[in-house]
Amino acid sequence: MPIFNLFKYFSYNIQVILDKYFSENNSNRYLTLEEIRLRTGRPIILKHGNEEKILNYIVTIEDIIDTLTNICENSIYSYQNQICNGFITIRGGHRVRYYRKCYNRKQQNNKYKQYIEFKF
């Protein structure tokens, strides 16, 4: 499955950023793409072999939720077992890793960071 077919799983904002990145570079960078990392409050990271490219866009919680909803075809409930295992397999055999980390600071409410990694 070509990489561009996978863009539909991302939130609209991330689709625009990825499309712009790959069209501006006029290269076959998408052929060496191995991983796309989305982490709340951090920039998008594209992994090409041993090289990582950091894009100038900070991922929001809305981006994570929209992307996860798209991956689960608007039915997170039907994917709950895969989510609990930490991976969701999408068409083409690509695996999406989803996880949350909890940070508890000074006995305040727990704060969660949301992460999604696409592996190709």
Protein backbone atom coordinates (compact mmCIF):
# COMPACT_ATOMS: atom_id res chain seq x y z
CA MET A 1 0.00 0.00 0.00
CA PRO A 2 1.52 3.34 -1.01
CA ILE A 3 2.22 5.76 1.82
CA PHE A 4 -0.23 8.31 0.45
CA ASN A 5 -3.10 5.84 0.98
CA LEU A 6 -2.27 5.91 4.69
CA PHE A 7 -2.70 9.68 4.98
CA LYS A 8 -6.46 9.21 5.28
CA TYR A 9 -5.96 7.82 8.78
CA PHE A 10 -4.45 11.05 10.10
CA SER A 11 -6.31 14.12 11.32
CA TYR A 12 -6.91 16.77 8.67
CA ASN A 13 -4.17 19.08 10.03
CA ILE A 14 -1.58 16.31 9.94
CA GLN A 15 -2.66 15.26 6.44
CA VAL A 16 -1.98 18.80 5.24
CA ILE A 17 1.46 18.91 6.92
CA LEU A 18 2.51 15.50 5.52
CA ASP A 19 1.23 16.30 2.04
CA LYS A 20 3.14 19.59 2.07
CA TYR A 21 6.34 17.92 3.31
CA PHE A 22 6.35 15.19 0.67
CA SER A 23 5.33 17.49 -2.21
CA GLU A 24 7.93 20.17 -1.32
CA ASN A 25 10.84 17.76 -1.12
CA ASN A 26 10.29 16.45 -4.67
CA SER A 27 12.12 13.29 -3.79
CA ASN A 28 11.28 9.71 -3.11
CA ARG A 29 11.59 10.23 0.66
CA TYR A 30 8.31 8.42 1.17
CA LEU A 31 9.94 5.24 -0.19
CA THR A 32 12.34 5.09 2.77
CA LEU A 33 9.80 6.15 5.41
CA GLU A 34 9.64 3.61 8.24
CA GLU A 35 7.78 5.40 10.99
CA ILE A 36 5.64 8.44 11.78
CA ARG A 37 5.49 9.48 15.44
CA LEU A 38 2.72 11.63 16.86
CA ARG A 39 3.03 12.72 20.48
CA THR A 40 0.83 15.23 22.24
CA GLY A 41 2.54 18.60 22.64
CA ARG A 42 5.51 17.61 20.50
CA PRO A 43 6.40 17.89 16.81
CA ILE A 44 5.74 15.16 14.24
CA ILE A 45 8.78 12.93 13.69
CA LEU A 46 9.37 11.03 10.45
CA LYS A 47 11.92 8.22 10.58
CA HIS A 48 13.85 7.36 7.41
CA GLY A 49 16.29 4.54 8.24
CA ASN A 50 18.77 6.00 10.75
CA GLU A 51 17.67 9.56 10.05
CA GLU A 52 14.83 11.42 11.74
CA LYS A 53 13.10 14.49 10.31
CA ILE A 54 11.26 16.75 12.75
CA LEU A 55 8.38 18.67 11.20
CA ASN A 56 7.40 22.13 12.38
CA TYR A 57 3.96 21.23 13.72
CA ILE A 58 3.03 20.57 17.35
CA VAL A 59 0.55 17.69 17.69
CA THR A 60 -2.58 18.43 19.72
CA ILE A 61 -4.78 16.05 21.67
CA GLU A 62 -7.45 16.66 19.03
CA ASP A 63 -5.03 15.39 16.35
CA ILE A 64 -4.45 12.21 18.37
CA ILE A 65 -8.17 11.64 18.97
CA ASP A 66 -9.09 12.30 15.33
CA THR A 67 -6.31 10.01 14.10
CA LEU A 68 -7.27 7.21 16.51
CA THR A 69 -10.93 7.56 15.51
CA ASN A 70 -9.99 7.33 11.82
CA ILE A 71 -7.84 4.26 12.45
CA CYS A 72 -10.69 2.59 14.31
CA GLU A 73 -13.17 3.52 11.58
CA ASN A 74 -15.24 5.58 14.06
CA SER A 75 -15.72 2.58 16.36
CA ILE A 76 -13.07 2.58 19.06
CA TYR A 77 -15.16 0.02 20.97
CA SER A 78 -14.67 -2.60 18.23
CA TYR A 79 -10.88 -2.13 18.44
CA GLN A 80 -10.61 -2.12 22.23
CA ASN A 81 -8.83 -5.49 22.46
CA GLN A 82 -6.18 -4.39 19.98
CA ILE A 83 -5.82 -1.04 21.77
CA CYS A 84 -5.33 -2.86 25.10
CA ASN A 85 -2.58 -4.92 23.46
CA GLY A 86 -0.94 -1.68 22.36
CA PHE A 87 -1.15 -2.24 18.60
CA ILE A 88 -3.80 -1.85 15.94
CA THR A 89 -3.23 -3.50 12.57
CA ILE A 90 -4.59 -1.55 9.61
CA ARG A 91 -4.95 -2.44 5.94
CA GLY A 92 -1.72 -3.46 4.28
CA GLY A 93 -0.45 -5.06 7.49
CA HIS A 94 0.83 -1.78 8.91
CA ARG A 95 0.92 -1.65 12.68
CA VAL A 96 -0.07 1.39 14.69
CA ARG A 97 1.19 1.60 18.24
CA TYR A 98 -0.98 3.57 20.64
CA TYR A 99 -0.08 4.23 24.23
CA ARG A 100 -0.58 6.65 27.09
CA LYS A 101 1.77 7.68 29.84
CA CYS A 102 0.53 8.96 33.17
CA TYR A 103 2.34 11.71 34.99
CA ASN A 104 1.41 12.48 38.60
CA ARG A 105 2.87 15.72 39.87
CA LYS A 106 2.65 16.74 43.55
CA GLN A 107 -0.41 14.61 44.28
CA GLN A 108 -2.44 16.51 41.69
CA ASN A 109 -4.74 14.92 39.19
CA ASN A 110 -3.07 12.43 36.91
CA LYS A 111 -2.09 13.91 33.57
CA TYR A 112 -1.89 11.68 30.53
CA LYS A 113 0.23 12.12 27.44
CA GLN A 114 -1.15 10.47 24.31
CA TYR A 115 1.16 8.85 21.75
CA ILE A 116 0.62 7.22 18.36
CA GLU A 117 3.34 5.65 16.22
CA PHE A 118 2.79 4.35 12.70
CA LYS A 119 5.27 1.64 11.66
CA PHE A 120 5.58 0.62 8.03
